[in-house]
Amino acid sequence: MVLLLICGCSKEIVITSIDQIPGKWQWGSTCGDNDTSYVCVYSSTSHWATVDFTSDGKYIERHNDSIFLETTYTLTKIDDSWGTLILENPSENRPIAIVNQQLLITRGGYIDSYMKMQ
Protein backbone atom coordinates (compact mmCIF):
# COMPACT_ATOMS: atom_id res chain seq x y z
CA MET A 1 0.00 0.00 0.00
CA VAL A 2 2.80 2.46 0.91
CA LEU A 3 4.57 1.66 -2.37
CA LEU A 4 1.39 2.45 -4.31
CA LEU A 5 1.06 5.80 -2.53
CA ILE A 6 4.67 6.73 -3.27
CA CYS A 7 4.45 5.73 -6.93
CA GLY A 8 1.04 7.35 -7.34
CA CYS A 9 2.32 10.76 -6.22
CA SER A 10 5.00 11.08 -8.88
CA LYS A 11 3.99 13.30 -11.81
CA GLU A 12 6.45 12.51 -14.56
CA ILE A 13 5.74 14.51 -17.68
CA VAL A 14 6.03 12.32 -20.77
CA ILE A 15 6.60 14.29 -23.97
CA THR A 16 6.21 12.37 -27.21
CA SER A 17 4.81 14.89 -29.69
CA ILE A 18 5.03 18.45 -30.98
CA ASP A 19 1.36 18.70 -29.97
CA GLN A 20 2.52 18.80 -26.32
CA ILE A 21 4.57 22.00 -26.67
CA PRO A 22 2.11 24.43 -25.02
CA GLY A 23 3.24 24.98 -21.43
CA LYS A 24 6.36 26.11 -19.61
CA TRP A 25 9.83 24.79 -20.49
CA GLN A 26 13.11 25.05 -18.55
CA TRP A 27 16.29 25.65 -20.57
CA GLY A 28 18.99 23.02 -20.02
CA SER A 29 21.74 23.79 -22.51
CA THR A 30 22.77 25.45 -25.76
CA CYS A 31 25.28 23.66 -27.97
CA GLY A 32 26.76 24.37 -31.38
CA ASP A 33 29.72 25.37 -33.49
CA ASN A 34 31.45 28.69 -33.11
CA ASP A 35 34.27 29.65 -35.45
CA THR A 36 36.85 27.37 -33.82
CA SER A 37 35.14 24.53 -31.91
CA TYR A 38 31.92 22.89 -30.70
CA VAL A 39 30.76 24.52 -27.46
CA CYS A 40 28.00 24.00 -24.91
CA VAL A 41 26.62 26.36 -22.27
CA TYR A 42 24.51 24.89 -19.47
CA SER A 43 21.82 26.21 -17.18
CA SER A 44 22.87 26.97 -13.59
CA THR A 45 21.41 28.64 -10.52
CA SER A 46 22.87 31.97 -11.66
CA HIS A 47 22.20 31.59 -15.41
CA TRP A 48 18.85 30.06 -16.42
CA ALA A 49 15.93 30.61 -18.75
CA THR A 50 12.37 29.49 -19.40
CA VAL A 51 10.08 29.58 -22.39
CA ASP A 52 6.31 29.69 -21.98
CA PHE A 53 4.13 28.68 -24.92
CA THR A 54 0.63 29.82 -23.93
CA SER A 55 -2.50 28.18 -25.30
CA ASP A 56 -3.54 31.53 -26.86
CA GLY A 57 -0.37 31.72 -29.01
CA LYS A 58 2.00 33.82 -26.89
CA TYR A 59 5.71 32.99 -26.68
CA ILE A 60 7.38 34.39 -23.55
CA GLU A 61 11.11 33.80 -23.08
CA ARG A 62 12.59 34.77 -19.72
CA HIS A 63 16.26 34.91 -18.75
CA ASN A 64 16.77 34.90 -14.98
CA ASP A 65 13.13 36.04 -14.46
CA SER A 66 13.42 39.03 -16.84
CA ILE A 67 11.40 38.95 -20.05
CA PHE A 68 13.86 38.59 -22.93
CA LEU A 69 11.31 38.13 -25.74
CA GLU A 70 7.54 38.27 -25.85
CA THR A 71 5.76 37.69 -29.15
CA THR A 72 3.15 35.47 -30.76
CA TYR A 73 3.91 32.07 -32.22
CA THR A 74 2.48 29.37 -34.42
CA LEU A 75 3.71 25.84 -34.95
CA THR A 76 3.79 23.91 -38.17
CA LYS A 77 4.02 20.19 -37.67
CA ILE A 78 6.01 17.96 -40.02
CA ASP A 79 5.33 14.82 -37.97
CA ASP A 80 5.00 13.98 -34.26
CA SER A 81 8.66 14.78 -33.59
CA TRP A 82 9.55 17.58 -36.05
CA GLY A 83 8.17 20.99 -36.89
CA THR A 84 8.81 24.70 -37.22
CA LEU A 85 8.33 27.39 -34.58
CA ILE A 86 7.21 30.58 -36.33
CA LEU A 87 7.69 33.76 -34.29
CA GLU A 88 5.89 36.94 -35.31
CA ASN A 89 8.17 39.70 -34.01
CA PRO A 90 11.00 39.32 -34.74
CA SER A 91 9.88 37.35 -37.76
CA GLU A 92 11.77 34.05 -37.43
CA ASN A 93 11.26 30.42 -38.33
CA ARG A 94 13.10 28.01 -36.04
CA PRO A 95 13.24 24.26 -36.61
CA ILE A 96 12.06 22.36 -33.53
CA ALA A 97 12.04 18.73 -32.48
CA ILE A 98 10.99 16.50 -29.62
CA VAL A 99 13.86 14.08 -28.90
CA ASN A 100 14.14 11.96 -25.73
CA GLN A 101 11.34 14.02 -24.12
CA GLN A 102 13.26 17.26 -24.69
CA LEU A 103 12.26 20.21 -26.82
CA LEU A 104 15.08 21.21 -29.16
CA ILE A 105 14.95 24.65 -30.78
CA THR A 106 17.50 25.54 -33.46
CA ARG A 107 18.83 29.12 -33.49
CA GLY A 108 21.30 29.56 -36.31
CA GLY A 109 24.16 27.13 -35.67
CA TYR A 110 23.07 26.42 -32.08
CA ILE A 111 20.52 24.08 -30.54
CA ASP A 112 18.74 24.96 -27.28
CA SER A 113 17.39 22.05 -25.22
CA TYR A 114 14.45 22.39 -22.81
CA MET A 115 12.62 20.12 -20.36
CA LYS A 116 8.89 20.62 -19.77
CA MET A 117 7.99 22.06 -16.37
CA GLN A 118 4.20 21.96 -16.64
C-alpha atoms as a PDB file:
ATOM      1  CA  MET A   1       0.000   0.000   0.000  1.00  0.00           C
ATOM      2  CA  VAL A   2       2.800   2.456   0.912  1.00  0.00           C
ATOM      3  CA  LEU A   3       4.571   1.664  -2.373  1.00  0.00           C
ATOM      4  CA  LEU A   4       1.387   2.447  -4.306  1.00  0.00           C
ATOM      5  CA  LEU A   5       1.065   5.796  -2.532  1.00  0.00           C
ATOM      6  CA  ILE A   6       4.667   6.728  -3.272  1.00  0.00           C
ATOM      7  CA  CYS A   7       4.450   5.728  -6.931  1.00  0.00           C
ATOM      8  CA  GLY A   8       1.041   7.348  -7.344  1.00  0.00           C
ATOM      9  CA  CYS A   9       2.322  10.757  -6.218  1.00  0.00           C
ATOM     10  CA  SER A  10       5.003  11.079  -8.876  1.00  0.00           C
ATOM     11  CA  LYS A  11       3.988  13.305 -11.807  1.00  0.00           C
ATOM     12  CA  GLU A  12       6.449  12.510 -14.561  1.00  0.00           C
ATOM     13  CA  ILE A  13       5.740  14.506 -17.683  1.00  0.00           C
ATOM     14  CA  VAL A  14       6.035  12.321 -20.769  1.00  0.00           C
ATOM     15  CA  ILE A  15       6.602  14.293 -23.968  1.00  0.00           C
ATOM     16  CA  THR A  16       6.212  12.366 -27.213  1.00  0.00           C
ATOM     17  CA  SER A  17       4.807  14.890 -29.693  1.00  0.00           C
ATOM     18  CA  ILE A  18       5.033  18.454 -30.983  1.00  0.00           C
ATOM     19  CA  ASP A  19       1.361  18.703 -29.974  1.00  0.00           C
ATOM     20  CA  GLN A  20       2.521  18.801 -26.323  1.00  0.00           C
ATOM     21  CA  ILE A  21       4.565  21.996 -26.674  1.00  0.00           C
ATOM     22  CA  PRO A  22       2.107  24.430 -25.019  1.00  0.00           C
ATOM     23  CA  GLY A  23       3.236  24.980 -21.427  1.00  0.00           C
ATOM     24  CA  LYS A  24       6.362  26.112 -19.613  1.00  0.00           C
ATOM     25  CA  TRP A  25       9.828  24.788 -20.494  1.00  0.00           C
ATOM     26  CA  GLN A  26      13.113  25.050 -18.550  1.00  0.00           C
ATOM     27  CA  TRP A  27      16.288  25.646 -20.572  1.00  0.00           C
ATOM     28  CA  GLY A  28      18.994  23.025 -20.017  1.00  0.00           C
ATOM     29  CA  SER A  29      21.740  23.795 -22.509  1.00  0.00           C
ATOM     30  CA  THR A  30      22.774  25.451 -25.760  1.00  0.00           C
ATOM     31  CA  CYS A  31      25.284  23.663 -27.971  1.00  0.00           C
ATOM     32  CA  GLY A  32      26.761  24.371 -31.380  1.00  0.00           C
ATOM     33  CA  ASP A  33      29.715  25.371 -33.489  1.00  0.00           C
ATOM     34  CA  ASN A  34      31.455  28.687 -33.107  1.00  0.00           C
ATOM     35  CA  ASP A  35      34.272  29.646 -35.453  1.00  0.00           C
ATOM     36  CA  THR A  36      36.855  27.369 -33.822  1.00  0.00           C
ATOM     37  CA  SER A  37      35.137  24.533 -31.910  1.00  0.00           C
ATOM     38  CA  TYR A  38      31.923  22.889 -30.695  1.00  0.00           C
ATOM     39  CA  VAL A  39      30.762  24.524 -27.455  1.00  0.00           C
ATOM     40  CA  CYS A  40      27.996  24.002 -24.912  1.00  0.00           C
ATOM     41  CA  VAL A  41      26.620  26.356 -22.275  1.00  0.00           C
ATOM     42  CA  TYR A  42      24.515  24.886 -19.468  1.00  0.00           C
ATOM     43  CA  SER A  43      21.817  26.211 -17.180  1.00  0.00           C
ATOM     44  CA  SER A  44      22.869  26.968 -13.594  1.00  0.00           C
ATOM     45  CA  THR A  45      21.414  28.639 -10.521  1.00  0.00           C
ATOM     46  CA  SER A  46      22.872  31.967 -11.655  1.00  0.00           C
ATOM     47  CA  HIS A  47      22.196  31.592 -15.409  1.00  0.00           C
ATOM     48  CA  TRP A  48      18.855  30.058 -16.417  1.00  0.00           C
ATOM     49  CA  ALA A  49      15.934  30.610 -18.753  1.00  0.00           C
ATOM     50  CA  THR A  50      12.369  29.492 -19.400  1.00  0.00           C
ATOM     51  CA  VAL A  51      10.076  29.582 -22.394  1.00  0.00           C
ATOM     52  CA  ASP A  52       6.308  29.689 -21.980  1.00  0.00           C
ATOM     53  CA  PHE A  53       4.133  28.679 -24.923  1.00  0.00           C
ATOM     54  CA  THR A  54       0.634  29.818 -23.935  1.00  0.00           C
ATOM     55  CA  SER A  55      -2.504  28.184 -25.299  1.00  0.00           C
ATOM     56  CA  ASP A  56      -3.540  31.527 -26.856  1.00  0.00           C
ATOM     57  CA  GLY A  57      -0.372  31.722 -29.010  1.00  0.00           C
ATOM     58  CA  LYS A  58       1.997  33.821 -26.894  1.00  0.00           C
ATOM     59  CA  TYR A  59       5.710  32.994 -26.684  1.00  0.00           C
ATOM     60  CA  ILE A  60       7.381  34.389 -23.549  1.00  0.00           C
ATOM     61  CA  GLU A  61      11.108  33.802 -23.078  1.00  0.00           C
ATOM     62  CA  ARG A  62      12.591  34.772 -19.724  1.00  0.00           C
ATOM     63  CA  HIS A  63      16.256  34.913 -18.754  1.00  0.00           C
ATOM     64  CA  ASN A  64      16.765  34.901 -14.977  1.00  0.00           C
ATOM     65  CA  ASP A  65      13.129  36.041 -14.457  1.00  0.00           C
ATOM     66  CA  SER A  66      13.425  39.030 -16.843  1.00  0.00           C
ATOM     67  CA  ILE A  67      11.399  38.951 -20.051  1.00  0.00           C
ATOM     68  CA  PHE A  68      13.860  38.589 -22.933  1.00  0.00           C
ATOM     69  CA  LEU A  69      11.313  38.134 -25.738  1.00  0.00           C
ATOM     70  CA  GLU A  70       7.536  38.267 -25.849  1.00  0.00           C
ATOM     71  CA  THR A  71       5.762  37.692 -29.145  1.00  0.00           C
ATOM     72  CA  THR A  72       3.154  35.474 -30.759  1.00  0.00           C
ATOM     73  CA  TYR A  73       3.909  32.073 -32.223  1.00  0.00           C
ATOM     74  CA  THR A  74       2.484  29.366 -34.421  1.00  0.00           C
ATOM     75  CA  LEU A  75       3.710  25.839 -34.948  1.00  0.00           C
ATOM     76  CA  THR A  76       3.793  23.912 -38.170  1.00  0.00           C
ATOM     77  CA  LYS A  77       4.017  20.193 -37.673  1.00  0.00           C
ATOM     78  CA  ILE A  78       6.011  17.962 -40.020  1.00  0.00           C
ATOM     79  CA  ASP A  79       5.329  14.821 -37.969  1.00  0.00           C
ATOM     80  CA  ASP A  80       4.999  13.979 -34.259  1.00  0.00           C
ATOM     81  CA  SER A  81       8.660  14.783 -33.588  1.00  0.00           C
ATOM     82  CA  TRP A  82       9.553  17.579 -36.046  1.00  0.00           C
ATOM     83  CA  GLY A  83       8.170  20.987 -36.895  1.00  0.00           C
ATOM     84  CA  THR A  84       8.806  24.697 -37.218  1.00  0.00           C
ATOM     85  CA  LEU A  85       8.331  27.388 -34.584  1.00  0.00           C
ATOM     86  CA  ILE A  86       7.207  30.579 -36.328  1.00  0.00           C
ATOM     87  CA  LEU A  87       7.690  33.762 -34.287  1.00  0.00           C
ATOM     88  CA  GLU A  88       5.889  36.938 -35.309  1.00  0.00           C
ATOM     89  CA  ASN A  89       8.175  39.696 -34.015  1.00  0.00           C
ATOM     90  CA  PRO A  90      11.003  39.317 -34.739  1.00  0.00           C
ATOM     91  CA  SER A  91       9.880  37.345 -37.756  1.00  0.00           C
ATOM     92  CA  GLU A  92      11.770  34.055 -37.434  1.00  0.00           C
ATOM     93  CA  ASN A  93      11.258  30.424 -38.329  1.00  0.00           C
ATOM     94  CA  ARG A  94      13.098  28.015 -36.039  1.00  0.00           C
ATOM     95  CA  PRO A  95      13.242  24.259 -36.611  1.00  0.00           C
ATOM     96  CA  ILE A  96      12.060  22.355 -33.534  1.00  0.00           C
ATOM     97  CA  ALA A  97      12.040  18.725 -32.479  1.00  0.00           C
ATOM     98  CA  ILE A  98      10.993  16.498 -29.620  1.00  0.00           C
ATOM     99  CA  VAL A  99      13.859  14.082 -28.901  1.00  0.00           C
ATOM    100  CA  ASN A 100      14.140  11.964 -25.734  1.00  0.00           C
ATOM    101  CA  GLN A 101      11.344  14.017 -24.123  1.00  0.00           C
ATOM    102  CA  GLN A 102      13.261  17.260 -24.686  1.00  0.00           C
ATOM    103  CA  LEU A 103      12.262  20.212 -26.821  1.00  0.00           C
ATOM    104  CA  LEU A 104      15.084  21.208 -29.165  1.00  0.00           C
ATOM    105  CA  ILE A 105      14.954  24.655 -30.781  1.00  0.00           C
ATOM    106  CA  THR A 106      17.496  25.538 -33.459  1.00  0.00           C
ATOM    107  CA  ARG A 107      18.828  29.119 -33.492  1.00  0.00           C
ATOM    108  CA  GLY A 108      21.304  29.561 -36.307  1.00  0.00           C
ATOM    109  CA  GLY A 109      24.159  27.129 -35.671  1.00  0.00           C
ATOM    110  CA  TYR A 110      23.067  26.424 -32.085  1.00  0.00           C
ATOM    111  CA  ILE A 111      20.523  24.078 -30.539  1.00  0.00           C
ATOM    112  CA  ASP A 112      18.743  24.959 -27.282  1.00  0.00           C
ATOM    113  CA  SER A 113      17.387  22.048 -25.217  1.00  0.00           C
ATOM    114  CA  TYR A 114      14.448  22.386 -22.811  1.00  0.00           C
ATOM    115  CA  MET A 115      12.616  20.120 -20.361  1.00  0.00           C
ATOM    116  CA  LYS A 116       8.894  20.617 -19.767  1.00  0.00           C
ATOM    117  CA  MET A 117       7.993  22.056 -16.365  1.00  0.00           C
ATOM    118  CA  GLN A 118       4.204  21.960 -16.637  1.00  0.00           C
END
